[in-house]
N, C-alpha and C. Protein backbone atom coordinates (compact mmCIF):
# COMPACT_ATOMS: atom_id res chain seq x y z
N UNK A 1 0.84 -1.18 0.00
CA UNK A 1 0.00 0.00 0.00
C UNK A 1 0.89 1.24 0.00
N UNK A 2 0.49 2.22 -0.80
CA UNK A 2 1.22 3.47 -0.92
C UNK A 2 0.70 4.45 0.14
N UNK A 3 1.46 4.57 1.26
CA UNK A 3 1.01 5.39 2.38
C UNK A 3 0.99 6.87 2.03
N UNK A 4 1.89 7.31 1.17
CA UNK A 4 1.91 8.72 0.77
C UNK A 4 0.64 9.07 -0.01
N UNK A 5 0.24 8.17 -0.90
CA UNK A 5 -0.99 8.39 -1.67
C UNK A 5 -2.20 8.41 -0.75
N UNK A 6 -2.22 7.51 0.22
CA UNK A 6 -3.34 7.48 1.18
C UNK A 6 -3.37 8.75 2.02
N UNK A 7 -2.20 9.24 2.40
CA UNK A 7 -2.13 10.50 3.15
C UNK A 7 -2.67 11.65 2.29
N UNK A 8 -2.29 11.67 1.01
CA UNK A 8 -2.77 12.72 0.11
C UNK A 8 -4.29 12.66 -0.08
N UNK A 9 -4.83 11.45 -0.20
CA UNK A 9 -6.29 11.30 -0.31
C UNK A 9 -6.96 11.87 0.92
N UNK A 10 -6.44 11.52 2.09
CA UNK A 10 -7.03 12.01 3.33
C UNK A 10 -6.96 13.54 3.40
N UNK A 11 -5.80 14.10 3.11
CA UNK A 11 -5.63 15.56 3.19
C UNK A 11 -6.56 16.26 2.20
N UNK A 12 -6.62 15.77 0.97
CA UNK A 12 -7.45 16.42 -0.05
C UNK A 12 -8.92 16.47 0.37
N UNK A 13 -9.45 15.35 0.83
CA UNK A 13 -10.87 15.32 1.16
C UNK A 13 -11.16 15.88 2.55
N UNK A 14 -10.18 15.86 3.44
CA UNK A 14 -10.36 16.51 4.74
C UNK A 14 -10.46 18.01 4.55
N UNK A 15 -9.59 18.57 3.70
CA UNK A 15 -9.63 20.01 3.42
C UNK A 15 -10.97 20.42 2.84
N UNK A 16 -11.43 19.69 1.85
CA UNK A 16 -12.71 20.06 1.23
C UNK A 16 -13.86 19.84 2.20
N UNK A 17 -13.73 18.84 3.07
CA UNK A 17 -14.77 18.59 4.06
C UNK A 17 -14.84 19.67 5.13
N UNK A 18 -13.69 20.14 5.56
CA UNK A 18 -13.68 21.12 6.65
C UNK A 18 -13.95 22.54 6.14
N UNK A 19 -13.60 22.82 4.89
CA UNK A 19 -13.81 24.16 4.34
C UNK A 19 -15.12 24.29 3.58
N UNK A 20 -15.77 23.18 3.28
CA UNK A 20 -17.00 23.19 2.49
C UNK A 20 -18.21 23.53 3.34
N UNK A 21 -18.27 24.73 3.84
CA UNK A 21 -19.39 25.17 4.69
C UNK A 21 -20.67 25.17 3.87
N UNK A 22 -21.68 24.48 4.34
CA UNK A 22 -22.97 24.49 3.66
C UNK A 22 -23.22 23.25 2.84
N UNK A 23 -22.29 22.32 2.80
CA UNK A 23 -22.55 21.07 2.10
C UNK A 23 -22.03 21.05 0.68
N UNK A 24 -22.72 20.27 -0.15
CA UNK A 24 -22.28 19.95 -1.51
C UNK A 24 -21.89 21.10 -2.40
N UNK A 25 -22.79 22.07 -2.63
CA UNK A 25 -22.44 23.12 -3.58
C UNK A 25 -21.15 23.87 -3.24
N UNK A 26 -20.91 24.10 -1.96
CA UNK A 26 -19.71 24.84 -1.60
C UNK A 26 -18.47 23.95 -1.61
N UNK A 27 -18.64 22.65 -1.49
CA UNK A 27 -17.47 21.77 -1.46
C UNK A 27 -17.03 21.32 -2.85
N UNK A 28 -17.90 21.38 -3.83
CA UNK A 28 -17.54 20.91 -5.18
C UNK A 28 -16.34 21.68 -5.75
N UNK A 29 -16.33 23.01 -5.71
CA UNK A 29 -15.13 23.72 -6.20
C UNK A 29 -13.87 23.38 -5.40
N UNK A 30 -14.02 23.10 -4.11
CA UNK A 30 -12.87 22.73 -3.29
C UNK A 30 -12.33 21.36 -3.69
N UNK A 31 -13.23 20.41 -3.92
CA UNK A 31 -12.82 19.08 -4.38
C UNK A 31 -12.15 19.21 -5.75
N UNK A 32 -12.72 20.01 -6.62
CA UNK A 32 -12.15 20.24 -7.95
C UNK A 32 -10.72 20.75 -7.84
N UNK A 33 -10.50 21.74 -6.99
CA UNK A 33 -9.16 22.31 -6.80
C UNK A 33 -8.17 21.24 -6.34
N UNK A 34 -8.57 20.44 -5.36
CA UNK A 34 -7.68 19.41 -4.83
C UNK A 34 -7.40 18.31 -5.86
N UNK A 35 -8.46 17.81 -6.48
CA UNK A 35 -8.36 16.62 -7.32
C UNK A 35 -7.76 16.93 -8.70
N UNK A 36 -8.13 18.07 -9.26
CA UNK A 36 -7.67 18.40 -10.62
C UNK A 36 -6.37 19.19 -10.59
N UNK A 37 -6.28 20.20 -9.73
CA UNK A 37 -5.12 21.09 -9.77
C UNK A 37 -4.00 20.67 -8.81
N UNK A 38 -4.34 20.42 -7.55
CA UNK A 38 -3.31 20.13 -6.56
C UNK A 38 -2.66 18.76 -6.79
N UNK A 39 -3.47 17.70 -6.87
CA UNK A 39 -2.93 16.35 -6.97
C UNK A 39 -2.98 15.78 -8.39
N UNK A 40 -3.75 16.38 -9.25
CA UNK A 40 -3.86 15.97 -10.67
C UNK A 40 -4.24 14.50 -10.83
N UNK A 41 -5.21 14.06 -10.02
CA UNK A 41 -5.71 12.70 -10.14
C UNK A 41 -6.69 12.58 -11.29
N UNK A 42 -7.39 13.66 -11.62
CA UNK A 42 -8.34 13.69 -12.72
C UNK A 42 -8.11 14.96 -13.53
N UNK A 43 -8.55 14.94 -14.79
CA UNK A 43 -8.56 16.19 -15.55
C UNK A 43 -9.97 16.79 -15.46
N UNK A 44 -10.17 17.95 -16.06
CA UNK A 44 -11.46 18.63 -15.97
C UNK A 44 -12.60 17.78 -16.52
N UNK A 45 -12.36 17.11 -17.62
CA UNK A 45 -13.42 16.30 -18.23
C UNK A 45 -13.81 15.12 -17.34
N UNK A 46 -12.82 14.45 -16.79
CA UNK A 46 -13.11 13.33 -15.89
C UNK A 46 -13.85 13.81 -14.64
N UNK A 47 -13.43 14.97 -14.12
CA UNK A 47 -14.10 15.52 -12.95
C UNK A 47 -15.56 15.85 -13.27
N UNK A 48 -15.81 16.40 -14.46
CA UNK A 48 -17.19 16.69 -14.88
C UNK A 48 -18.03 15.43 -14.92
N UNK A 49 -17.44 14.35 -15.42
CA UNK A 49 -18.16 13.08 -15.49
C UNK A 49 -18.48 12.55 -14.09
N UNK A 50 -17.51 12.62 -13.19
CA UNK A 50 -17.72 12.16 -11.81
C UNK A 50 -18.80 13.03 -11.14
N UNK A 51 -18.74 14.34 -11.37
CA UNK A 51 -19.73 15.25 -10.79
C UNK A 51 -21.13 14.95 -11.33
N UNK A 52 -21.25 14.74 -12.62
CA UNK A 52 -22.56 14.45 -13.22
C UNK A 52 -23.11 13.13 -12.68
N UNK A 53 -22.28 12.13 -12.63
CA UNK A 53 -22.73 10.83 -12.10
C UNK A 53 -23.11 10.95 -10.63
N UNK A 54 -22.29 11.66 -9.86
CA UNK A 54 -22.58 11.85 -8.44
C UNK A 54 -23.88 12.60 -8.21
N UNK A 55 -24.19 13.56 -9.07
CA UNK A 55 -25.43 14.32 -8.94
C UNK A 55 -26.65 13.47 -9.28
N UNK A 56 -26.45 12.45 -10.09
CA UNK A 56 -27.58 11.60 -10.48
C UNK A 56 -27.91 10.55 -9.40
N UNK A 57 -27.00 10.36 -8.45
CA UNK A 57 -27.21 9.36 -7.40
C UNK A 57 -27.67 10.05 -6.12
N UNK A 58 -28.41 9.34 -5.28
CA UNK A 58 -28.86 9.95 -4.02
C UNK A 58 -27.72 10.08 -3.01
N UNK A 59 -27.85 11.05 -2.11
CA UNK A 59 -26.88 11.22 -1.04
C UNK A 59 -26.01 12.44 -1.24
N UNK A 60 -25.18 12.74 -0.25
CA UNK A 60 -24.31 13.91 -0.31
C UNK A 60 -23.26 13.78 -1.41
N UNK A 61 -23.12 14.81 -2.22
CA UNK A 61 -22.22 14.77 -3.38
C UNK A 61 -20.77 14.62 -2.97
N UNK A 62 -20.35 15.32 -1.94
CA UNK A 62 -18.94 15.26 -1.54
C UNK A 62 -18.54 13.85 -1.10
N UNK A 63 -19.43 13.17 -0.41
CA UNK A 63 -19.14 11.81 0.05
C UNK A 63 -19.05 10.85 -1.14
N UNK A 64 -19.97 11.00 -2.09
CA UNK A 64 -19.93 10.12 -3.28
C UNK A 64 -18.66 10.35 -4.09
N UNK A 65 -18.31 11.63 -4.28
CA UNK A 65 -17.12 11.94 -5.06
C UNK A 65 -15.85 11.44 -4.35
N UNK A 66 -15.78 11.64 -3.03
CA UNK A 66 -14.58 11.20 -2.32
C UNK A 66 -14.46 9.68 -2.36
N UNK A 67 -15.58 8.98 -2.28
CA UNK A 67 -15.55 7.52 -2.36
C UNK A 67 -15.06 7.04 -3.71
N UNK A 68 -15.61 7.62 -4.78
CA UNK A 68 -15.22 7.18 -6.12
C UNK A 68 -13.76 7.54 -6.42
N UNK A 69 -13.42 8.80 -6.16
CA UNK A 69 -12.05 9.24 -6.47
C UNK A 69 -11.05 8.53 -5.58
N UNK A 70 -11.39 8.35 -4.30
CA UNK A 70 -10.51 7.61 -3.40
C UNK A 70 -10.27 6.19 -3.89
N UNK A 71 -11.34 5.53 -4.36
CA UNK A 71 -11.20 4.17 -4.90
C UNK A 71 -10.34 4.17 -6.16
N UNK A 72 -10.59 5.12 -7.03
CA UNK A 72 -9.84 5.18 -8.29
C UNK A 72 -8.35 5.41 -8.05
N UNK A 73 -8.03 6.25 -7.07
CA UNK A 73 -6.64 6.59 -6.80
C UNK A 73 -5.96 5.58 -5.89
N UNK A 74 -6.69 5.10 -4.86
CA UNK A 74 -6.05 4.26 -3.85
C UNK A 74 -6.74 2.96 -3.53
N UNK A 75 -7.61 2.48 -4.42
CA UNK A 75 -8.27 1.20 -4.19
C UNK A 75 -9.30 1.27 -3.07
N UNK A 76 -9.61 0.10 -2.50
CA UNK A 76 -10.64 0.03 -1.46
C UNK A 76 -10.25 0.83 -0.22
N UNK A 77 -8.98 0.79 0.14
CA UNK A 77 -8.54 1.57 1.29
C UNK A 77 -8.67 3.06 0.99
N UNK A 78 -8.40 3.46 -0.23
CA UNK A 78 -8.57 4.85 -0.63
C UNK A 78 -10.02 5.29 -0.57
N UNK A 79 -10.95 4.38 -0.92
CA UNK A 79 -12.38 4.68 -0.82
C UNK A 79 -12.76 4.97 0.62
N UNK A 80 -12.41 4.08 1.53
CA UNK A 80 -12.74 4.26 2.95
C UNK A 80 -12.04 5.51 3.49
N UNK A 81 -10.80 5.68 3.14
CA UNK A 81 -10.01 6.83 3.58
C UNK A 81 -10.65 8.14 3.11
N UNK A 82 -11.03 8.22 1.84
CA UNK A 82 -11.65 9.43 1.30
C UNK A 82 -12.98 9.76 1.95
N UNK A 83 -13.81 8.73 2.15
CA UNK A 83 -15.11 8.96 2.78
C UNK A 83 -14.93 9.40 4.24
N UNK A 84 -14.04 8.73 4.97
CA UNK A 84 -13.80 9.13 6.36
C UNK A 84 -13.26 10.56 6.44
N UNK A 85 -12.35 10.90 5.54
CA UNK A 85 -11.79 12.25 5.54
C UNK A 85 -12.86 13.29 5.24
N UNK A 86 -13.87 12.91 4.47
CA UNK A 86 -14.94 13.84 4.11
C UNK A 86 -15.90 14.05 5.27
N UNK A 87 -16.25 12.97 5.96
CA UNK A 87 -17.27 13.10 7.01
C UNK A 87 -16.68 13.44 8.37
N UNK A 88 -15.40 13.16 8.58
CA UNK A 88 -14.78 13.41 9.88
C UNK A 88 -14.85 14.88 10.31
N UNK A 89 -14.56 15.85 9.44
CA UNK A 89 -14.66 17.24 9.88
C UNK A 89 -16.06 17.61 10.36
N UNK A 90 -17.07 17.15 9.65
CA UNK A 90 -18.44 17.46 10.04
C UNK A 90 -18.78 16.87 11.39
N UNK A 91 -18.40 15.61 11.59
CA UNK A 91 -18.70 14.95 12.87
C UNK A 91 -17.98 15.67 14.00
N UNK A 92 -16.71 15.98 13.83
CA UNK A 92 -15.96 16.65 14.88
C UNK A 92 -16.51 18.04 15.17
N UNK A 93 -16.82 18.78 14.12
CA UNK A 93 -17.36 20.13 14.32
C UNK A 93 -18.73 20.08 14.97
N UNK A 94 -19.56 19.14 14.57
CA UNK A 94 -20.89 19.04 15.18
C UNK A 94 -20.79 18.72 16.67
N UNK A 95 -19.92 17.79 17.02
CA UNK A 95 -19.75 17.44 18.42
C UNK A 95 -19.16 18.61 19.21
N UNK A 96 -18.14 19.23 18.64
CA UNK A 96 -17.43 20.29 19.35
C UNK A 96 -18.16 21.63 19.41
N UNK A 97 -18.96 21.92 18.41
CA UNK A 97 -19.54 23.26 18.33
C UNK A 97 -21.04 23.32 18.55
N UNK A 98 -21.69 22.19 18.77
CA UNK A 98 -23.15 22.20 18.89
C UNK A 98 -23.62 23.11 20.04
N UNK A 99 -22.89 23.07 21.13
CA UNK A 99 -23.26 23.93 22.26
C UNK A 99 -23.08 25.40 21.95
N UNK A 100 -21.97 25.74 21.31
CA UNK A 100 -21.71 27.14 20.96
C UNK A 100 -22.71 27.68 19.95
N UNK A 101 -23.02 26.86 18.97
CA UNK A 101 -23.96 27.31 17.93
C UNK A 101 -25.33 27.58 18.53
N UNK A 102 -25.81 26.68 19.37
CA UNK A 102 -27.13 26.89 19.96
C UNK A 102 -27.12 28.08 20.92
N UNK A 103 -26.01 28.31 21.58
CA UNK A 103 -25.92 29.42 22.53
C UNK A 103 -25.86 30.78 21.82
N UNK A 104 -25.17 30.85 20.68
CA UNK A 104 -24.95 32.13 20.01
C UNK A 104 -25.67 32.26 18.67
N UNK A 105 -26.62 31.40 18.35
CA UNK A 105 -27.24 31.42 17.03
C UNK A 105 -27.98 32.72 16.72
N UNK A 106 -28.43 33.43 17.74
CA UNK A 106 -29.13 34.70 17.51
C UNK A 106 -28.18 35.90 17.52
N UNK A 107 -26.90 35.65 17.70
CA UNK A 107 -25.91 36.72 17.72
C UNK A 107 -25.78 37.36 16.34
N UNK A 108 -25.64 38.67 16.32
CA UNK A 108 -25.49 39.38 15.04
C UNK A 108 -24.21 38.96 14.33
N UNK A 109 -23.17 38.67 15.09
CA UNK A 109 -21.89 38.27 14.51
C UNK A 109 -22.04 36.94 13.78
N UNK A 110 -22.67 35.97 14.43
CA UNK A 110 -22.86 34.64 13.81
C UNK A 110 -23.77 34.77 12.59
N UNK A 111 -24.84 35.53 12.69
CA UNK A 111 -25.74 35.72 11.55
C UNK A 111 -25.02 36.43 10.41
N UNK A 112 -24.17 37.40 10.74
CA UNK A 112 -23.40 38.11 9.71
C UNK A 112 -22.41 37.20 9.02
N UNK A 113 -21.75 36.32 9.78
CA UNK A 113 -20.80 35.37 9.19
C UNK A 113 -21.52 34.43 8.23
N UNK A 114 -22.69 33.96 8.64
CA UNK A 114 -23.46 33.05 7.81
C UNK A 114 -23.88 33.73 6.51
N UNK A 115 -24.32 34.97 6.61
CA UNK A 115 -24.74 35.71 5.41
C UNK A 115 -23.55 36.06 4.52
N UNK A 116 -22.37 36.27 5.10
CA UNK A 116 -21.19 36.62 4.31
C UNK A 116 -20.67 35.45 3.50
N UNK A 117 -20.94 34.24 3.93
CA UNK A 117 -20.44 33.06 3.23
C UNK A 117 -21.19 32.83 1.92
N UNK A 118 -22.47 33.17 1.88
CA UNK A 118 -23.30 32.89 0.70
C UNK A 118 -22.72 33.50 -0.59
N UNK A 119 -22.30 34.77 -0.62
CA UNK A 119 -21.74 35.30 -1.86
C UNK A 119 -20.44 34.62 -2.28
N UNK A 120 -19.63 34.23 -1.32
CA UNK A 120 -18.37 33.55 -1.64
C UNK A 120 -18.65 32.21 -2.31
N UNK A 121 -19.60 31.46 -1.76
CA UNK A 121 -19.98 30.19 -2.35
C UNK A 121 -20.56 30.42 -3.76
N UNK A 122 -21.36 31.48 -3.90
CA UNK A 122 -21.92 31.80 -5.21
C UNK A 122 -20.84 32.07 -6.25
N UNK A 123 -19.81 32.81 -5.87
CA UNK A 123 -18.71 33.11 -6.79
C UNK A 123 -17.95 31.84 -7.14
N UNK A 124 -17.70 30.99 -6.15
CA UNK A 124 -16.99 29.73 -6.41
C UNK A 124 -17.78 28.86 -7.39
N UNK A 125 -19.09 28.79 -7.23
CA UNK A 125 -19.92 28.01 -8.15
C UNK A 125 -19.96 28.64 -9.53
N UNK A 126 -19.98 29.98 -9.59
CA UNK A 126 -19.99 30.66 -10.89
C UNK A 126 -18.70 30.38 -11.66
N UNK A 127 -17.57 30.40 -10.98
CA UNK A 127 -16.29 30.10 -11.63
C UNK A 127 -16.27 28.67 -12.14
N UNK A 128 -16.75 27.73 -11.33
CA UNK A 128 -16.81 26.33 -11.75
C UNK A 128 -17.74 26.17 -12.95
N UNK A 129 -18.89 26.85 -12.92
CA UNK A 129 -19.83 26.79 -14.04
C UNK A 129 -19.20 27.36 -15.30
N UNK A 130 -18.51 28.48 -15.17
CA UNK A 130 -17.83 29.09 -16.32
C UNK A 130 -16.82 28.12 -16.93
N UNK A 131 -16.05 27.45 -16.07
CA UNK A 131 -15.06 26.47 -16.57
C UNK A 131 -15.74 25.31 -17.29
N UNK A 132 -16.87 24.83 -16.74
CA UNK A 132 -17.60 23.75 -17.40
C UNK A 132 -18.17 24.20 -18.74
N UNK A 133 -18.66 25.45 -18.80
CA UNK A 133 -19.20 25.96 -20.06
C UNK A 133 -18.10 26.09 -21.11
N UNK A 134 -16.91 26.54 -20.71
CA UNK A 134 -15.79 26.62 -21.64
C UNK A 134 -15.43 25.24 -22.17
N UNK A 135 -15.42 24.27 -21.28
CA UNK A 135 -15.09 22.89 -21.67
C UNK A 135 -16.17 22.34 -22.61
N UNK A 136 -17.43 22.62 -22.32
CA UNK A 136 -18.53 22.16 -23.18
C UNK A 136 -18.46 22.80 -24.55
N UNK A 137 -18.12 24.08 -24.58
CA UNK A 137 -17.99 24.79 -25.85
C UNK A 137 -16.94 24.13 -26.74
N UNK A 138 -15.84 23.69 -26.11
CA UNK A 138 -14.79 23.02 -26.87
C UNK A 138 -15.25 21.68 -27.43
N UNK A 139 -16.06 20.95 -26.67
CA UNK A 139 -16.51 19.63 -27.12
C UNK A 139 -17.73 19.66 -28.00
N UNK A 140 -18.69 20.53 -27.68
CA UNK A 140 -19.97 20.57 -28.41
C UNK A 140 -20.05 21.69 -29.43
N UNK A 141 -19.18 22.66 -29.31
CA UNK A 141 -19.32 23.86 -30.12
C UNK A 141 -20.24 24.83 -29.39
N UNK A 142 -20.20 26.08 -29.79
CA UNK A 142 -20.98 27.10 -29.08
C UNK A 142 -22.48 26.85 -29.22
N UNK A 143 -22.92 26.43 -30.40
CA UNK A 143 -24.35 26.18 -30.62
C UNK A 143 -24.87 25.03 -29.77
N UNK A 144 -24.14 23.93 -29.74
CA UNK A 144 -24.55 22.78 -28.93
C UNK A 144 -24.53 23.09 -27.45
N UNK A 145 -23.51 23.83 -27.03
CA UNK A 145 -23.40 24.19 -25.62
C UNK A 145 -24.56 25.10 -25.21
N UNK A 146 -24.86 26.11 -26.02
CA UNK A 146 -25.97 27.02 -25.70
C UNK A 146 -27.32 26.30 -25.75
N UNK A 147 -27.50 25.42 -26.72
CA UNK A 147 -28.77 24.69 -26.83
C UNK A 147 -28.99 23.78 -25.62
N UNK A 148 -27.97 23.03 -25.23
CA UNK A 148 -28.11 22.16 -24.07
C UNK A 148 -28.29 22.95 -22.77
N UNK A 149 -27.59 24.07 -22.66
CA UNK A 149 -27.75 24.91 -21.47
C UNK A 149 -29.16 25.47 -21.38
N UNK A 150 -29.66 25.98 -22.49
CA UNK A 150 -31.01 26.55 -22.53
C UNK A 150 -32.07 25.47 -22.28
N UNK A 151 -31.91 24.32 -22.92
CA UNK A 151 -32.85 23.22 -22.72
C UNK A 151 -32.86 22.76 -21.26
N UNK A 152 -31.67 22.62 -20.67
CA UNK A 152 -31.58 22.22 -19.26
C UNK A 152 -32.23 23.25 -18.35
N UNK A 153 -32.00 24.53 -18.63
CA UNK A 153 -32.60 25.60 -17.83
C UNK A 153 -34.12 25.55 -17.90
N UNK A 154 -34.66 25.38 -19.09
CA UNK A 154 -36.12 25.32 -19.27
C UNK A 154 -36.70 24.11 -18.55
N UNK A 155 -36.07 22.95 -18.75
CA UNK A 155 -36.57 21.73 -18.10
C UNK A 155 -36.53 21.85 -16.58
N UNK A 156 -35.45 22.38 -16.06
CA UNK A 156 -35.29 22.44 -14.60
C UNK A 156 -36.09 23.57 -13.97
N UNK A 157 -35.94 24.76 -14.50
CA UNK A 157 -36.52 25.94 -13.85
C UNK A 157 -38.01 26.12 -14.14
N UNK A 158 -38.42 25.86 -15.36
CA UNK A 158 -39.79 26.18 -15.75
C UNK A 158 -40.71 24.95 -15.79
N UNK A 159 -40.17 23.80 -16.17
CA UNK A 159 -40.99 22.60 -16.23
C UNK A 159 -40.81 21.71 -14.99
N UNK A 160 -39.90 22.11 -14.10
CA UNK A 160 -39.67 21.45 -12.82
C UNK A 160 -39.32 19.96 -12.96
N UNK A 161 -38.52 19.65 -13.97
CA UNK A 161 -38.00 18.28 -14.14
C UNK A 161 -36.85 18.12 -13.15
N UNK A 162 -36.83 17.00 -12.45
CA UNK A 162 -35.79 16.76 -11.45
C UNK A 162 -34.42 16.75 -12.13
N UNK A 163 -33.40 17.38 -11.49
CA UNK A 163 -32.07 17.44 -12.12
C UNK A 163 -31.47 16.06 -12.38
N UNK A 164 -31.78 15.07 -11.55
CA UNK A 164 -31.23 13.73 -11.77
C UNK A 164 -31.73 13.14 -13.10
N UNK A 165 -32.98 13.45 -13.45
CA UNK A 165 -33.53 12.96 -14.72
C UNK A 165 -32.82 13.64 -15.89
N UNK A 166 -32.62 14.95 -15.78
CA UNK A 166 -31.91 15.69 -16.84
C UNK A 166 -30.50 15.14 -17.01
N UNK A 167 -29.81 14.96 -15.90
CA UNK A 167 -28.43 14.45 -15.96
C UNK A 167 -28.40 13.04 -16.54
N UNK A 168 -29.32 12.19 -16.12
CA UNK A 168 -29.36 10.81 -16.62
C UNK A 168 -29.60 10.78 -18.12
N UNK A 169 -30.51 11.61 -18.61
CA UNK A 169 -30.79 11.66 -20.06
C UNK A 169 -29.56 12.16 -20.81
N UNK A 170 -28.91 13.20 -20.29
CA UNK A 170 -27.72 13.73 -20.96
C UNK A 170 -26.57 12.71 -20.95
N UNK A 171 -26.42 11.99 -19.83
CA UNK A 171 -25.40 10.94 -19.79
C UNK A 171 -25.70 9.84 -20.81
N UNK A 172 -26.97 9.44 -20.90
CA UNK A 172 -27.35 8.43 -21.89
C UNK A 172 -27.06 8.91 -23.31
N UNK A 173 -27.40 10.16 -23.60
CA UNK A 173 -27.14 10.73 -24.93
C UNK A 173 -25.64 10.76 -25.22
N UNK A 174 -24.84 11.11 -24.21
CA UNK A 174 -23.39 11.17 -24.41
C UNK A 174 -22.82 9.78 -24.68
N UNK A 175 -23.34 8.78 -23.99
CA UNK A 175 -22.86 7.41 -24.19
C UNK A 175 -23.32 6.87 -25.55
N UNK A 176 -24.55 7.20 -25.95
CA UNK A 176 -25.11 6.69 -27.20
C UNK A 176 -24.57 7.41 -28.43
N UNK A 177 -24.06 8.61 -28.24
CA UNK A 177 -23.55 9.42 -29.37
C UNK A 177 -22.30 8.77 -29.95
N UNK A 178 -22.26 8.62 -31.27
CA UNK A 178 -21.06 8.04 -31.88
C UNK A 178 -19.87 8.99 -31.74
N UNK A 179 -18.69 8.41 -31.54
CA UNK A 179 -17.46 9.19 -31.39
C UNK A 179 -16.88 9.45 -32.77
N UNK A 180 -17.07 10.66 -33.27
CA UNK A 180 -16.63 11.01 -34.63
C UNK A 180 -15.10 10.98 -34.75
N UNK A 181 -14.39 11.39 -33.70
CA UNK A 181 -12.93 11.37 -33.73
C UNK A 181 -12.42 9.94 -33.87
N UNK A 182 -13.02 9.00 -33.16
CA UNK A 182 -12.61 7.61 -33.23
C UNK A 182 -12.90 7.03 -34.62
N UNK A 183 -14.06 7.42 -35.19
CA UNK A 183 -14.40 6.95 -36.53
C UNK A 183 -13.39 7.45 -37.56
N UNK A 184 -12.96 8.72 -37.42
CA UNK A 184 -11.95 9.28 -38.34
C UNK A 184 -10.63 8.52 -38.23
N UNK A 185 -10.23 8.21 -36.98
CA UNK A 185 -8.98 7.49 -36.77
C UNK A 185 -9.05 6.09 -37.35
N UNK A 186 -10.21 5.43 -37.21
CA UNK A 186 -10.36 4.08 -37.76
C UNK A 186 -10.34 4.09 -39.27
N UNK A 187 -10.97 5.12 -39.88
CA UNK A 187 -10.95 5.24 -41.34
C UNK A 187 -9.55 5.53 -41.83
N UNK A 188 -8.82 6.38 -41.11
CA UNK A 188 -7.45 6.73 -41.48
C UNK A 188 -6.52 5.55 -41.37
N UNK A 189 -6.72 4.68 -40.36
CA UNK A 189 -5.88 3.50 -40.15
C UNK A 189 -6.17 2.39 -41.15
N UNK A 190 -7.40 2.39 -41.72
CA UNK A 190 -7.80 1.33 -42.63
C UNK A 190 -7.23 1.55 -44.02
N UNK A 191 -6.83 2.79 -44.32
CA UNK A 191 -6.34 3.09 -45.67
C UNK A 191 -4.97 2.55 -45.92
């Protein structure tokens, strides 16, 4: 077993777990930073796939992502290590701070801190969304990217289709779509 890799898995998911105030949406950019940029276990496209699959499954997104990525990087021990690193900060903070939170929850300072975090999380999600849109534009072209974005927005916001259904349909379409690059390479190799 590679202990350095296991240590890195724990550190990466512990950081995202302890800094991801508010759950999934705020932790996704943190996981992205650790997994794609810091440790380079996945590239942006692979991370997008893991995120889409994780969103289609029930349960907390950070836990699902840490389990999958931990398994991919460090096997079964990496899976357990990643999940523990993700949930450990929450458990420790809940045990340690439950009394303080209930005692000071009406404090203006605590309420101000809570309100100040929302815009930061919003900016982090906007940056991640922008990066995904740039990546989609490269793969689908601007027309395909805009059409899928608009269709997803209409289905989710106006027709109230559950996001898991939208993601599942898009994943199915992506899997069923023929790979034109692979077809070109096969035709070129056959000549």
